Amino acid sequence: MAHFKSIFLLSFFLVFFNLNGNAQTDSASAANDINLLYPDKEPPYRYAEKSAEPIGGYEAIRKFIEDNMKYPKKARKEGIVGTVFVEFVIEKDGSISNAKVFHGLRPDLDAEAVRVISMMPKWKPAEHQGKIVRQFFSLPVKFTIE
């Protein structure tokens, strides 16, 4: 559990403190890139005054991941362990979208991490300047063999 928390905190710092401002104001070219990725929606924020939160807290998310993850058989047989970092968007309704690996281990583990993150229950959405907004978020998915 302590290791999960340290990985989560690392992920939190990568997402929220490495990038300043929201996706629309990082730079002109970055804003254009984000707008190309999300032509029909408002671009997600990297930082919001009130960040999105999992309903039930991070312990509930940890348990959800633990209960729903299916360790790929080949990776388990080969003794592959490690952490996959998944970035995703928390939509205005709290649902999860656009999950993708930003630091992976190998394709089968990466795909499983994205699958589990994509099926997470809704979160309490982010707020910025009094409005509900979309927000980028990232979480580690740790694969261990006990």
N, C-alpha and C. Protein backbone atom coordinates (compact mmCIF):
# COMPACT_ATOMS: atom_id res chain seq x y z
N MET A 1 0.82 -1.21 0.00
CA MET A 1 0.00 0.00 0.00
C MET A 1 0.86 1.26 0.00
N ALA A 2 1.91 1.26 0.81
CA ALA A 2 2.79 2.43 0.86
C ALA A 2 3.45 2.65 -0.49
N HIS A 3 3.81 1.53 -1.17
CA HIS A 3 4.44 1.67 -2.48
C HIS A 3 3.45 2.27 -3.49
N PHE A 4 2.18 1.83 -3.42
CA PHE A 4 1.16 2.38 -4.31
C PHE A 4 1.03 3.88 -4.11
N LYS A 5 1.02 4.32 -2.83
CA LYS A 5 0.90 5.74 -2.54
C LYS A 5 2.08 6.52 -3.09
N SER A 6 3.29 5.98 -2.98
CA SER A 6 4.45 6.71 -3.49
C SER A 6 4.40 6.80 -5.00
N ILE A 7 3.96 5.73 -5.68
CA ILE A 7 3.82 5.78 -7.13
C ILE A 7 2.73 6.76 -7.51
N PHE A 8 1.61 6.75 -6.77
CA PHE A 8 0.55 7.69 -7.07
C PHE A 8 1.03 9.12 -6.92
N LEU A 9 1.75 9.42 -5.85
CA LEU A 9 2.25 10.78 -5.64
C LEU A 9 3.19 11.19 -6.75
N LEU A 10 4.04 10.29 -7.21
CA LEU A 10 4.92 10.59 -8.32
C LEU A 10 4.09 10.96 -9.55
N SER A 11 3.06 10.17 -9.81
CA SER A 11 2.18 10.43 -10.94
C SER A 11 1.50 11.79 -10.80
N PHE A 12 1.03 12.09 -9.58
CA PHE A 12 0.38 13.36 -9.31
C PHE A 12 1.31 14.52 -9.62
N PHE A 13 2.56 14.43 -9.16
CA PHE A 13 3.52 15.51 -9.41
C PHE A 13 3.82 15.64 -10.89
N LEU A 14 3.92 14.53 -11.61
CA LEU A 14 4.18 14.60 -13.05
C LEU A 14 3.08 15.36 -13.77
N VAL A 15 1.85 15.08 -13.41
CA VAL A 15 0.73 15.70 -14.11
C VAL A 15 0.50 17.15 -13.69
N PHE A 16 0.51 17.42 -12.40
CA PHE A 16 0.08 18.73 -11.93
C PHE A 16 1.18 19.75 -11.73
N PHE A 17 2.39 19.33 -11.45
CA PHE A 17 3.42 20.31 -11.17
C PHE A 17 4.44 20.46 -12.28
N ASN A 18 4.50 19.51 -13.20
CA ASN A 18 5.40 19.63 -14.32
C ASN A 18 4.83 20.53 -15.41
N LEU A 19 3.53 20.67 -15.41
CA LEU A 19 2.85 21.46 -16.43
C LEU A 19 2.12 22.59 -15.73
N ASN A 20 2.33 23.81 -16.15
CA ASN A 20 1.61 24.90 -15.49
C ASN A 20 0.50 25.40 -16.39
N GLY A 21 -0.55 25.91 -15.79
CA GLY A 21 -1.68 26.43 -16.56
C GLY A 21 -2.55 25.32 -17.08
N ASN A 22 -3.57 25.72 -17.85
CA ASN A 22 -4.43 24.69 -18.40
C ASN A 22 -4.02 24.38 -19.82
N ALA A 23 -4.66 23.41 -20.42
CA ALA A 23 -4.28 22.97 -21.76
C ALA A 23 -4.43 24.08 -22.79
N GLN A 24 -5.28 25.05 -22.52
CA GLN A 24 -5.50 26.10 -23.50
C GLN A 24 -4.42 27.19 -23.45
N THR A 25 -3.67 27.28 -22.37
CA THR A 25 -2.72 28.38 -22.26
C THR A 25 -1.28 27.95 -22.08
N ASP A 26 -0.95 26.65 -22.21
CA ASP A 26 0.44 26.21 -22.07
C ASP A 26 1.33 26.92 -23.08
N SER A 27 0.91 26.98 -24.32
CA SER A 27 1.59 27.72 -25.38
C SER A 27 0.66 27.69 -26.58
N ALA A 28 0.95 28.56 -27.53
CA ALA A 28 0.08 28.63 -28.71
C ALA A 28 0.08 27.31 -29.47
N SER A 29 1.26 26.71 -29.69
CA SER A 29 1.30 25.46 -30.45
C SER A 29 0.68 24.31 -29.65
N ALA A 30 0.91 24.28 -28.35
CA ALA A 30 0.30 23.22 -27.53
C ALA A 30 -1.21 23.34 -27.56
N ALA A 31 -1.72 24.56 -27.49
CA ALA A 31 -3.17 24.77 -27.55
C ALA A 31 -3.71 24.28 -28.88
N ASN A 32 -3.00 24.56 -29.97
CA ASN A 32 -3.45 24.09 -31.28
C ASN A 32 -3.43 22.57 -31.34
N ASP A 33 -2.39 21.94 -30.79
CA ASP A 33 -2.33 20.48 -30.77
C ASP A 33 -3.49 19.89 -29.99
N ILE A 34 -3.78 20.45 -28.83
CA ILE A 34 -4.89 19.97 -28.00
C ILE A 34 -6.21 20.15 -28.74
N ASN A 35 -6.38 21.30 -29.39
CA ASN A 35 -7.63 21.55 -30.12
C ASN A 35 -7.80 20.57 -31.27
N LEU A 36 -6.71 20.14 -31.89
CA LEU A 36 -6.81 19.14 -32.95
C LEU A 36 -7.26 17.79 -32.39
N LEU A 37 -6.82 17.47 -31.18
CA LEU A 37 -7.20 16.22 -30.55
C LEU A 37 -8.66 16.21 -30.09
N TYR A 38 -9.18 17.38 -29.75
CA TYR A 38 -10.53 17.50 -29.20
C TYR A 38 -11.34 18.55 -29.98
N PRO A 39 -11.56 18.33 -31.28
CA PRO A 39 -12.21 19.37 -32.09
C PRO A 39 -13.66 19.65 -31.70
N ASP A 40 -14.36 18.66 -31.12
CA ASP A 40 -15.77 18.83 -30.80
C ASP A 40 -16.04 19.17 -29.34
N LYS A 41 -14.99 19.28 -28.53
CA LYS A 41 -15.16 19.51 -27.10
C LYS A 41 -14.17 20.56 -26.63
N GLU A 42 -14.45 21.09 -25.45
CA GLU A 42 -13.48 21.97 -24.82
C GLU A 42 -12.24 21.16 -24.47
N PRO A 43 -11.06 21.70 -24.70
CA PRO A 43 -9.85 20.95 -24.32
C PRO A 43 -9.82 20.72 -22.81
N PRO A 44 -9.31 19.57 -22.39
CA PRO A 44 -9.20 19.30 -20.95
C PRO A 44 -8.13 20.18 -20.30
N TYR A 45 -8.33 20.49 -19.06
CA TYR A 45 -7.35 21.25 -18.29
C TYR A 45 -6.30 20.30 -17.72
N ARG A 46 -5.09 20.77 -17.63
CA ARG A 46 -4.04 20.03 -16.91
C ARG A 46 -4.14 20.38 -15.42
N TYR A 47 -4.50 21.60 -15.13
CA TYR A 47 -4.64 22.06 -13.76
C TYR A 47 -5.99 22.74 -13.63
N ALA A 48 -6.69 22.47 -12.57
CA ALA A 48 -7.96 23.14 -12.28
C ALA A 48 -7.91 23.58 -10.82
N GLU A 49 -8.62 24.66 -10.54
CA GLU A 49 -8.64 25.17 -9.16
C GLU A 49 -9.08 24.10 -8.17
N LYS A 50 -10.04 23.29 -8.58
CA LYS A 50 -10.49 22.17 -7.75
C LYS A 50 -10.41 20.91 -8.61
N SER A 51 -9.41 20.10 -8.34
CA SER A 51 -9.17 18.90 -9.15
C SER A 51 -10.28 17.88 -8.99
N ALA A 52 -10.41 17.07 -10.03
CA ALA A 52 -11.35 15.95 -9.98
C ALA A 52 -10.94 15.01 -8.86
N GLU A 53 -11.92 14.33 -8.28
CA GLU A 53 -11.67 13.41 -7.17
C GLU A 53 -12.46 12.13 -7.39
N PRO A 54 -11.85 11.00 -7.07
CA PRO A 54 -12.63 9.75 -7.15
C PRO A 54 -13.67 9.71 -6.04
N ILE A 55 -14.86 9.30 -6.40
CA ILE A 55 -15.91 9.15 -5.39
C ILE A 55 -15.53 7.95 -4.52
N GLY A 56 -15.47 8.18 -3.23
CA GLY A 56 -15.01 7.13 -2.32
C GLY A 56 -13.53 7.23 -2.02
N GLY A 57 -12.83 8.16 -2.66
CA GLY A 57 -11.42 8.38 -2.39
C GLY A 57 -10.50 7.46 -3.17
N TYR A 58 -9.21 7.70 -2.98
CA TYR A 58 -8.21 6.92 -3.71
C TYR A 58 -8.14 5.47 -3.26
N GLU A 59 -8.51 5.20 -2.03
CA GLU A 59 -8.55 3.82 -1.57
C GLU A 59 -9.60 3.04 -2.38
N ALA A 60 -10.72 3.67 -2.70
CA ALA A 60 -11.76 3.02 -3.50
C ALA A 60 -11.24 2.73 -4.91
N ILE A 61 -10.48 3.65 -5.47
CA ILE A 61 -9.91 3.44 -6.81
C ILE A 61 -8.88 2.30 -6.77
N ARG A 62 -8.03 2.30 -5.75
CA ARG A 62 -7.04 1.23 -5.61
C ARG A 62 -7.73 -0.13 -5.55
N LYS A 63 -8.79 -0.21 -4.74
CA LYS A 63 -9.54 -1.46 -4.61
C LYS A 63 -10.21 -1.83 -5.92
N PHE A 64 -10.76 -0.84 -6.62
CA PHE A 64 -11.40 -1.11 -7.91
C PHE A 64 -10.39 -1.71 -8.88
N ILE A 65 -9.22 -1.10 -8.97
CA ILE A 65 -8.18 -1.60 -9.88
C ILE A 65 -7.77 -3.01 -9.48
N GLU A 66 -7.53 -3.20 -8.20
CA GLU A 66 -7.13 -4.52 -7.69
C GLU A 66 -8.19 -5.58 -7.99
N ASP A 67 -9.46 -5.25 -7.79
CA ASP A 67 -10.55 -6.21 -7.99
C ASP A 67 -10.82 -6.51 -9.46
N ASN A 68 -10.50 -5.58 -10.35
CA ASN A 68 -10.88 -5.74 -11.76
C ASN A 68 -9.73 -6.06 -12.70
N MET A 69 -8.51 -5.96 -12.22
CA MET A 69 -7.37 -6.22 -13.08
C MET A 69 -7.21 -7.73 -13.31
N LYS A 70 -6.96 -8.08 -14.55
CA LYS A 70 -6.70 -9.47 -14.92
C LYS A 70 -5.25 -9.52 -15.43
N TYR A 71 -4.38 -10.02 -14.59
CA TYR A 71 -2.95 -10.10 -14.93
C TYR A 71 -2.80 -10.97 -16.17
N PRO A 72 -2.24 -10.46 -17.25
CA PRO A 72 -2.07 -11.29 -18.45
C PRO A 72 -1.26 -12.57 -18.12
N LYS A 73 -1.76 -13.71 -18.56
CA LYS A 73 -1.17 -15.01 -18.22
C LYS A 73 0.30 -15.10 -18.61
N LYS A 74 0.63 -14.65 -19.80
CA LYS A 74 2.01 -14.76 -20.27
C LYS A 74 2.94 -13.90 -19.40
N ALA A 75 2.52 -12.70 -19.06
CA ALA A 75 3.33 -11.82 -18.22
C ALA A 75 3.50 -12.42 -16.83
N ARG A 76 2.44 -12.99 -16.29
CA ARG A 76 2.52 -13.64 -14.97
C ARG A 76 3.49 -14.82 -15.02
N LYS A 77 3.35 -15.64 -16.06
CA LYS A 77 4.21 -16.82 -16.21
C LYS A 77 5.69 -16.40 -16.32
N GLU A 78 5.94 -15.29 -17.00
CA GLU A 78 7.31 -14.80 -17.19
C GLU A 78 7.81 -13.99 -15.99
N GLY A 79 6.93 -13.76 -15.01
CA GLY A 79 7.33 -13.01 -13.82
C GLY A 79 7.52 -11.53 -14.05
N ILE A 80 6.83 -10.97 -15.03
CA ILE A 80 6.96 -9.55 -15.34
C ILE A 80 6.18 -8.73 -14.33
N VAL A 81 6.85 -7.78 -13.69
CA VAL A 81 6.22 -6.89 -12.72
C VAL A 81 6.63 -5.46 -13.04
N GLY A 82 5.86 -4.51 -12.55
CA GLY A 82 6.18 -3.10 -12.76
C GLY A 82 4.92 -2.25 -12.77
N THR A 83 5.10 -1.01 -13.18
CA THR A 83 4.00 -0.05 -13.14
C THR A 83 3.78 0.56 -14.52
N VAL A 84 2.53 0.62 -14.91
CA VAL A 84 2.10 1.29 -16.14
C VAL A 84 1.42 2.58 -15.73
N PHE A 85 1.82 3.70 -16.31
CA PHE A 85 1.19 4.98 -16.02
C PHE A 85 0.21 5.30 -17.14
N VAL A 86 -1.04 5.54 -16.75
CA VAL A 86 -2.11 5.80 -17.72
C VAL A 86 -2.62 7.22 -17.52
N GLU A 87 -2.71 7.97 -18.62
CA GLU A 87 -3.30 9.30 -18.59
C GLU A 87 -4.70 9.18 -19.20
N PHE A 88 -5.64 9.95 -18.66
CA PHE A 88 -7.01 9.90 -19.15
C PHE A 88 -7.66 11.25 -18.90
N VAL A 89 -8.87 11.40 -19.41
CA VAL A 89 -9.64 12.63 -19.20
C VAL A 89 -10.84 12.28 -18.33
N ILE A 90 -11.05 13.12 -17.33
CA ILE A 90 -12.26 13.03 -16.52
C ILE A 90 -13.22 14.05 -17.12
N GLU A 91 -14.30 13.56 -17.66
CA GLU A 91 -15.27 14.41 -18.36
C GLU A 91 -16.10 15.23 -17.36
N LYS A 92 -16.87 16.16 -17.89
CA LYS A 92 -17.70 17.01 -17.04
C LYS A 92 -18.73 16.22 -16.24
N ASP A 93 -19.13 15.06 -16.75
CA ASP A 93 -20.09 14.22 -16.02
C ASP A 93 -19.38 13.22 -15.09
N GLY A 94 -18.04 13.29 -15.02
CA GLY A 94 -17.28 12.41 -14.15
C GLY A 94 -16.83 11.11 -14.79
N SER A 95 -17.27 10.87 -16.02
CA SER A 95 -16.87 9.64 -16.70
C SER A 95 -15.42 9.74 -17.19
N ILE A 96 -14.86 8.59 -17.52
CA ILE A 96 -13.47 8.48 -17.96
C ILE A 96 -13.46 8.34 -19.48
N SER A 97 -12.56 9.07 -20.14
CA SER A 97 -12.40 8.94 -21.59
C SER A 97 -10.93 9.08 -21.96
N ASN A 98 -10.63 8.74 -23.18
CA ASN A 98 -9.31 8.95 -23.77
C ASN A 98 -8.15 8.36 -22.96
N ALA A 99 -8.36 7.21 -22.36
CA ALA A 99 -7.29 6.59 -21.58
C ALA A 99 -6.19 6.11 -22.53
N LYS A 100 -4.94 6.42 -22.16
CA LYS A 100 -3.79 5.97 -22.95
C LYS A 100 -2.58 5.85 -22.05
N VAL A 101 -1.68 4.99 -22.44
CA VAL A 101 -0.45 4.78 -21.68
C VAL A 101 0.53 5.91 -22.00
N PHE A 102 1.11 6.50 -20.95
CA PHE A 102 2.18 7.45 -21.22
C PHE A 102 3.53 6.93 -20.73
N HIS A 103 3.53 5.85 -19.98
CA HIS A 103 4.78 5.15 -19.65
C HIS A 103 4.40 3.70 -19.38
N GLY A 104 4.75 2.82 -20.30
CA GLY A 104 4.31 1.45 -20.19
C GLY A 104 5.42 0.45 -19.94
N LEU A 105 5.01 -0.81 -19.86
CA LEU A 105 5.94 -1.92 -19.64
C LEU A 105 6.07 -2.78 -20.88
N ARG A 106 4.95 -3.27 -21.35
CA ARG A 106 4.89 -4.10 -22.56
C ARG A 106 3.43 -4.14 -22.99
N PRO A 107 3.16 -4.44 -24.25
CA PRO A 107 1.80 -4.29 -24.78
C PRO A 107 0.69 -4.97 -24.00
N ASP A 108 0.88 -6.20 -23.54
CA ASP A 108 -0.21 -6.88 -22.85
C ASP A 108 -0.54 -6.22 -21.51
N LEU A 109 0.48 -5.80 -20.76
CA LEU A 109 0.25 -5.12 -19.49
C LEU A 109 -0.32 -3.72 -19.72
N ASP A 110 0.20 -3.03 -20.72
CA ASP A 110 -0.31 -1.70 -21.05
C ASP A 110 -1.79 -1.75 -21.40
N ALA A 111 -2.17 -2.72 -22.23
CA ALA A 111 -3.58 -2.85 -22.64
C ALA A 111 -4.48 -3.14 -21.45
N GLU A 112 -4.01 -3.97 -20.52
CA GLU A 112 -4.82 -4.29 -19.34
C GLU A 112 -4.98 -3.06 -18.45
N ALA A 113 -3.92 -2.28 -18.30
CA ALA A 113 -4.01 -1.06 -17.48
C ALA A 113 -5.02 -0.09 -18.09
N VAL A 114 -4.99 0.10 -19.39
CA VAL A 114 -5.94 1.00 -20.06
C VAL A 114 -7.36 0.45 -19.92
N ARG A 115 -7.53 -0.85 -20.06
CA ARG A 115 -8.86 -1.45 -19.94
C ARG A 115 -9.46 -1.18 -18.56
N VAL A 116 -8.68 -1.38 -17.51
CA VAL A 116 -9.18 -1.20 -16.16
C VAL A 116 -9.46 0.27 -15.87
N ILE A 117 -8.55 1.16 -16.26
CA ILE A 117 -8.77 2.59 -16.04
C ILE A 117 -10.02 3.06 -16.80
N SER A 118 -10.21 2.57 -18.00
CA SER A 118 -11.36 2.98 -18.82
C SER A 118 -12.70 2.59 -18.22
N MET A 119 -12.72 1.56 -17.39
CA MET A 119 -13.98 1.11 -16.81
C MET A 119 -14.19 1.60 -15.38
N MET A 120 -13.32 2.50 -14.89
CA MET A 120 -13.50 3.02 -13.53
C MET A 120 -14.86 3.70 -13.39
N PRO A 121 -15.40 3.68 -12.19
CA PRO A 121 -16.66 4.42 -11.95
C PRO A 121 -16.43 5.92 -12.08
N LYS A 122 -17.53 6.64 -12.19
CA LYS A 122 -17.45 8.09 -12.35
C LYS A 122 -16.76 8.76 -11.16
N TRP A 123 -16.11 9.87 -11.46
CA TRP A 123 -15.43 10.70 -10.46
C TRP A 123 -16.23 11.97 -10.26
N LYS A 124 -15.92 12.68 -9.19
CA LYS A 124 -16.44 14.03 -9.01
C LYS A 124 -15.60 14.92 -9.94
N PRO A 125 -16.23 15.61 -10.90
CA PRO A 125 -15.45 16.36 -11.90
C PRO A 125 -14.72 17.58 -11.33
N ALA A 126 -13.77 18.06 -12.10
CA ALA A 126 -12.98 19.23 -11.72
C ALA A 126 -13.79 20.51 -11.90
N GLU A 127 -13.38 21.54 -11.17
CA GLU A 127 -13.98 22.87 -11.31
C GLU A 127 -12.87 23.90 -11.51
N HIS A 128 -13.13 24.85 -12.38
CA HIS A 128 -12.19 25.94 -12.62
C HIS A 128 -12.99 27.22 -12.87
N GLN A 129 -12.69 28.22 -12.09
CA GLN A 129 -13.38 29.52 -12.18
C GLN A 129 -14.89 29.35 -12.12
N GLY A 130 -15.33 28.49 -11.21
CA GLY A 130 -16.75 28.30 -10.97
C GLY A 130 -17.48 27.43 -11.97
N LYS A 131 -16.75 26.83 -12.92
CA LYS A 131 -17.39 25.99 -13.93
C LYS A 131 -16.85 24.57 -13.83
N ILE A 132 -17.70 23.61 -14.14
CA ILE A 132 -17.28 22.22 -14.25
C ILE A 132 -16.49 22.10 -15.55
N VAL A 133 -15.30 21.49 -15.46
CA VAL A 133 -14.43 21.38 -16.63
C VAL A 133 -13.91 19.95 -16.78
N ARG A 134 -13.46 19.64 -17.99
CA ARG A 134 -12.77 18.38 -18.26
C ARG A 134 -11.35 18.51 -17.73
N GLN A 135 -10.77 17.41 -17.26
CA GLN A 135 -9.42 17.48 -16.72
C GLN A 135 -8.62 16.24 -17.05
N PHE A 136 -7.35 16.46 -17.46
CA PHE A 136 -6.41 15.36 -17.60
C PHE A 136 -6.08 14.84 -16.21
N PHE A 137 -5.84 13.56 -16.13
CA PHE A 137 -5.44 12.96 -14.87
C PHE A 137 -4.58 11.76 -15.22
N SER A 138 -3.77 11.31 -14.30
CA SER A 138 -3.01 10.09 -14.54
C SER A 138 -2.96 9.27 -13.27
N LEU A 139 -2.87 7.97 -13.46
CA LEU A 139 -2.76 7.04 -12.34
C LEU A 139 -1.77 5.94 -12.71
N PRO A 140 -1.08 5.43 -11.70
CA PRO A 140 -0.23 4.26 -11.92
C PRO A 140 -1.07 2.99 -11.75
N VAL A 141 -0.77 2.00 -12.55
CA VAL A 141 -1.37 0.69 -12.38
C VAL A 141 -0.21 -0.26 -12.15
N LYS A 142 -0.12 -0.77 -10.93
CA LYS A 142 1.02 -1.59 -10.52
C LYS A 142 0.70 -3.07 -10.70
N PHE A 143 1.60 -3.77 -11.39
CA PHE A 143 1.49 -5.20 -11.58
C PHE A 143 2.51 -5.89 -10.69
N THR A 144 2.03 -6.69 -9.75
CA THR A 144 2.91 -7.43 -8.84
C THR A 144 2.44 -8.88 -8.78
N ILE A 145 3.38 -9.76 -8.50
CA ILE A 145 3.06 -11.17 -8.33
C ILE A 145 3.37 -11.52 -6.88
N GLU A 146 2.38 -12.06 -6.20
CA GLU A 146 2.59 -12.40 -4.78
C GLU A 146 2.64 -13.89 -4.59
